[in-house]
N, C-alpha and C. Protein backbone atom coordinates (compact mmCIF):
# COMPACT_ATOMS: atom_id res chain seq x y z
N MET A 1 -81.39 71.75 -28.45
CA MET A 1 -81.63 70.69 -29.41
C MET A 1 -80.46 69.70 -29.33
N SER A 2 -80.78 68.42 -29.35
CA SER A 2 -79.73 67.40 -29.27
C SER A 2 -79.01 67.24 -30.60
N GLU A 3 -77.86 66.62 -30.50
CA GLU A 3 -77.04 66.39 -31.69
C GLU A 3 -77.76 65.47 -32.67
N PRO A 4 -77.67 65.75 -33.96
CA PRO A 4 -78.27 64.84 -34.94
C PRO A 4 -77.51 63.51 -34.97
N LEU A 5 -78.21 62.47 -35.28
CA LEU A 5 -77.62 61.15 -35.45
C LEU A 5 -77.28 61.02 -36.93
N VAL A 6 -76.02 60.76 -37.25
CA VAL A 6 -75.59 60.63 -38.64
C VAL A 6 -75.20 59.18 -38.88
N VAL A 7 -75.85 58.54 -39.86
CA VAL A 7 -75.63 57.12 -40.13
C VAL A 7 -75.55 56.89 -41.64
N ASP A 8 -74.95 55.77 -42.00
CA ASP A 8 -75.01 55.31 -43.39
C ASP A 8 -76.26 54.46 -43.53
N ALA A 9 -76.88 54.47 -44.69
CA ALA A 9 -78.07 53.66 -44.93
C ALA A 9 -77.75 52.20 -44.61
N GLY A 10 -78.64 51.57 -43.85
CA GLY A 10 -78.47 50.17 -43.49
C GLY A 10 -77.70 49.92 -42.22
N ASP A 11 -77.17 50.97 -41.58
CA ASP A 11 -76.38 50.80 -40.36
C ASP A 11 -77.23 50.59 -39.11
N ARG A 12 -78.44 51.10 -39.09
CA ARG A 12 -79.30 51.03 -37.90
C ARG A 12 -80.64 50.40 -38.25
N SER A 13 -81.28 49.85 -37.24
CA SER A 13 -82.60 49.24 -37.43
C SER A 13 -83.67 50.33 -37.51
N VAL A 14 -84.84 49.95 -38.00
CA VAL A 14 -85.96 50.89 -38.04
C VAL A 14 -86.28 51.38 -36.64
N GLU A 15 -86.26 50.46 -35.67
CA GLU A 15 -86.57 50.83 -34.29
C GLU A 15 -85.59 51.87 -33.75
N GLU A 16 -84.31 51.71 -34.07
CA GLU A 16 -83.31 52.69 -33.61
C GLU A 16 -83.55 54.06 -34.24
N LEU A 17 -83.86 54.07 -35.53
CA LEU A 17 -84.11 55.35 -36.21
C LEU A 17 -85.36 56.02 -35.68
N LEU A 18 -86.45 55.26 -35.53
CA LEU A 18 -87.68 55.84 -34.99
C LEU A 18 -87.49 56.28 -33.54
N GLY A 19 -86.72 55.51 -32.77
CA GLY A 19 -86.44 55.89 -31.38
C GLY A 19 -85.74 57.22 -31.29
N ALA A 20 -84.76 57.43 -32.16
CA ALA A 20 -84.04 58.71 -32.18
C ALA A 20 -84.99 59.85 -32.53
N LEU A 21 -85.86 59.63 -33.52
CA LEU A 21 -86.83 60.66 -33.91
C LEU A 21 -87.78 60.97 -32.76
N ASP A 22 -88.24 59.93 -32.06
CA ASP A 22 -89.16 60.13 -30.95
C ASP A 22 -88.50 60.83 -29.77
N GLU A 23 -87.17 60.75 -29.67
CA GLU A 23 -86.42 61.48 -28.64
C GLU A 23 -86.19 62.93 -29.03
N GLY A 24 -86.60 63.31 -30.23
CA GLY A 24 -86.44 64.69 -30.68
C GLY A 24 -85.18 64.93 -31.50
N ARG A 25 -84.47 63.86 -31.83
CA ARG A 25 -83.24 64.01 -32.62
C ARG A 25 -83.57 63.98 -34.11
N ARG A 26 -82.79 64.70 -34.88
CA ARG A 26 -82.81 64.56 -36.34
C ARG A 26 -81.89 63.41 -36.69
N VAL A 27 -82.20 62.73 -37.76
CA VAL A 27 -81.36 61.64 -38.24
C VAL A 27 -80.95 61.96 -39.67
N THR A 28 -79.65 62.02 -39.91
CA THR A 28 -79.13 62.21 -41.26
C THR A 28 -78.65 60.87 -41.77
N VAL A 29 -79.23 60.43 -42.88
CA VAL A 29 -78.88 59.15 -43.47
C VAL A 29 -78.09 59.44 -44.75
N ARG A 30 -76.88 58.90 -44.80
CA ARG A 30 -76.07 59.01 -46.02
C ARG A 30 -76.41 57.81 -46.89
N THR A 31 -76.76 58.09 -48.13
CA THR A 31 -77.15 57.03 -49.04
C THR A 31 -76.60 57.31 -50.43
N GLU A 32 -76.49 56.27 -51.22
CA GLU A 32 -75.99 56.43 -52.59
C GLU A 32 -77.16 56.28 -53.55
N PHE A 33 -77.19 57.17 -54.53
CA PHE A 33 -78.23 57.14 -55.55
C PHE A 33 -77.61 57.53 -56.87
N LEU A 34 -77.71 56.67 -57.85
CA LEU A 34 -77.17 56.89 -59.19
C LEU A 34 -75.69 57.27 -59.14
N GLY A 35 -74.94 56.58 -58.27
CA GLY A 35 -73.50 56.76 -58.20
C GLY A 35 -73.03 57.95 -57.39
N SER A 36 -73.95 58.69 -56.79
CA SER A 36 -73.57 59.86 -55.99
C SER A 36 -74.08 59.69 -54.56
N GLU A 37 -73.31 60.21 -53.60
CA GLU A 37 -73.75 60.16 -52.21
C GLU A 37 -74.69 61.33 -51.94
N HIS A 38 -75.78 61.02 -51.24
CA HIS A 38 -76.76 62.03 -50.87
C HIS A 38 -77.06 61.90 -49.39
N GLU A 39 -77.51 62.97 -48.79
CA GLU A 39 -77.95 62.95 -47.41
C GLU A 39 -79.45 63.18 -47.35
N VAL A 40 -80.11 62.37 -46.56
CA VAL A 40 -81.54 62.48 -46.32
C VAL A 40 -81.71 62.78 -44.84
N THR A 41 -82.54 63.76 -44.52
CA THR A 41 -82.77 64.11 -43.13
C THR A 41 -84.15 63.64 -42.72
N LEU A 42 -84.18 62.84 -41.66
CA LEU A 42 -85.43 62.38 -41.07
C LEU A 42 -85.64 63.19 -39.80
N ARG A 43 -86.88 63.63 -39.56
CA ARG A 43 -87.16 64.43 -38.37
C ARG A 43 -88.62 64.29 -37.98
N ARG A 44 -88.88 64.70 -36.78
CA ARG A 44 -90.25 64.69 -36.27
C ARG A 44 -90.53 66.05 -35.67
N ASP A 45 -91.66 66.61 -36.03
CA ASP A 45 -92.10 67.89 -35.49
C ASP A 45 -93.51 67.70 -34.97
N GLY A 46 -93.66 67.71 -33.66
CA GLY A 46 -94.97 67.41 -33.07
C GLY A 46 -95.31 65.96 -33.38
N GLY A 47 -96.45 65.73 -33.97
CA GLY A 47 -96.86 64.37 -34.31
C GLY A 47 -96.58 64.00 -35.75
N THR A 48 -95.93 64.88 -36.49
CA THR A 48 -95.69 64.63 -37.91
C THR A 48 -94.23 64.29 -38.15
N TYR A 49 -94.01 63.26 -38.95
CA TYR A 49 -92.67 62.83 -39.33
C TYR A 49 -92.37 63.37 -40.73
N TYR A 50 -91.09 63.75 -40.94
CA TYR A 50 -90.67 64.28 -42.24
C TYR A 50 -89.43 63.54 -42.73
N CYS A 51 -89.35 63.40 -44.02
CA CYS A 51 -88.22 62.79 -44.70
C CYS A 51 -87.80 63.77 -45.80
N ASP A 52 -86.71 64.52 -45.53
CA ASP A 52 -86.23 65.52 -46.49
C ASP A 52 -85.18 64.89 -47.39
N THR A 53 -85.54 64.67 -48.64
CA THR A 53 -84.58 64.13 -49.61
C THR A 53 -84.06 65.29 -50.45
N PRO A 54 -83.02 65.06 -51.26
CA PRO A 54 -82.51 66.15 -52.10
C PRO A 54 -83.55 66.70 -53.08
N THR A 55 -84.59 65.93 -53.39
CA THR A 55 -85.56 66.38 -54.39
C THR A 55 -86.98 66.52 -53.88
N ARG A 56 -87.25 66.00 -52.67
CA ARG A 56 -88.65 65.98 -52.23
C ARG A 56 -88.75 65.94 -50.71
N LEU A 57 -89.81 66.52 -50.19
CA LEU A 57 -90.12 66.44 -48.76
C LEU A 57 -91.30 65.49 -48.61
N HIS A 58 -91.07 64.36 -47.93
CA HIS A 58 -92.14 63.42 -47.63
C HIS A 58 -92.69 63.76 -46.26
N ARG A 59 -93.98 63.65 -46.09
CA ARG A 59 -94.62 63.94 -44.81
C ARG A 59 -95.42 62.71 -44.40
N HIS A 60 -95.28 62.30 -43.16
CA HIS A 60 -95.96 61.11 -42.66
C HIS A 60 -96.67 61.45 -41.36
N GLU A 61 -97.94 61.08 -41.26
CA GLU A 61 -98.76 61.43 -40.11
C GLU A 61 -98.58 60.49 -38.92
N THR A 62 -98.09 59.26 -39.17
CA THR A 62 -97.96 58.29 -38.08
C THR A 62 -96.58 57.63 -38.11
N ALA A 63 -96.23 57.03 -36.98
CA ALA A 63 -94.97 56.28 -36.92
C ALA A 63 -95.01 55.10 -37.89
N ALA A 64 -96.17 54.49 -38.07
CA ALA A 64 -96.30 53.37 -39.01
C ALA A 64 -96.00 53.80 -40.44
N GLU A 65 -96.47 54.98 -40.83
CA GLU A 65 -96.18 55.50 -42.17
C GLU A 65 -94.69 55.79 -42.32
N MET A 66 -94.07 56.36 -41.28
CA MET A 66 -92.65 56.66 -41.32
C MET A 66 -91.84 55.37 -41.40
N ARG A 67 -92.25 54.36 -40.62
CA ARG A 67 -91.59 53.06 -40.66
C ARG A 67 -91.61 52.49 -42.08
N GLN A 68 -92.74 52.57 -42.73
CA GLN A 68 -92.86 52.04 -44.09
C GLN A 68 -91.95 52.80 -45.05
N CYS A 69 -91.87 54.11 -44.92
CA CYS A 69 -90.99 54.92 -45.77
C CYS A 69 -89.53 54.51 -45.56
N ILE A 70 -89.12 54.40 -44.29
CA ILE A 70 -87.74 54.03 -43.99
C ILE A 70 -87.40 52.67 -44.58
N GLU A 71 -88.32 51.72 -44.43
CA GLU A 71 -88.11 50.38 -44.97
C GLU A 71 -88.10 50.40 -46.50
N ASN A 72 -89.04 51.09 -47.11
CA ASN A 72 -89.13 51.13 -48.57
C ASN A 72 -87.90 51.78 -49.22
N GLN A 73 -87.36 52.80 -48.56
CA GLN A 73 -86.21 53.52 -49.11
C GLN A 73 -84.88 52.87 -48.79
N GLY A 74 -84.89 51.86 -47.93
CA GLY A 74 -83.65 51.15 -47.60
C GLY A 74 -82.75 51.91 -46.65
N TYR A 75 -83.32 52.80 -45.82
CA TYR A 75 -82.50 53.57 -44.90
C TYR A 75 -82.09 52.77 -43.67
N ALA A 76 -82.84 51.71 -43.34
CA ALA A 76 -82.56 50.92 -42.14
C ALA A 76 -82.01 49.55 -42.51
N SER A 77 -81.42 48.90 -41.50
CA SER A 77 -80.95 47.53 -41.69
C SER A 77 -82.14 46.59 -41.67
N ASP A 78 -81.94 45.38 -42.09
CA ASP A 78 -83.00 44.39 -42.09
C ASP A 78 -83.26 43.82 -40.71
N ALA A 79 -82.33 44.06 -39.77
CA ALA A 79 -82.45 43.48 -38.42
C ALA A 79 -83.52 44.15 -37.61
């Protein structure tokens, strides 16, 4: 298994994050919520994408759904 990519929210584009997932890498996104730092793990298993937050596991069936989640949650840069 390859090394996970660890980034701060907003440091990478959606394309970079999805590219890492499609290469089989996990992506750990450090983000701040209510004044505390949290880590969110993005991963892909087969054709399903997952977003593991401290409180919930999101499951996405397509790259388009995962892209929307990443954009909605502010994990990627605007570029």
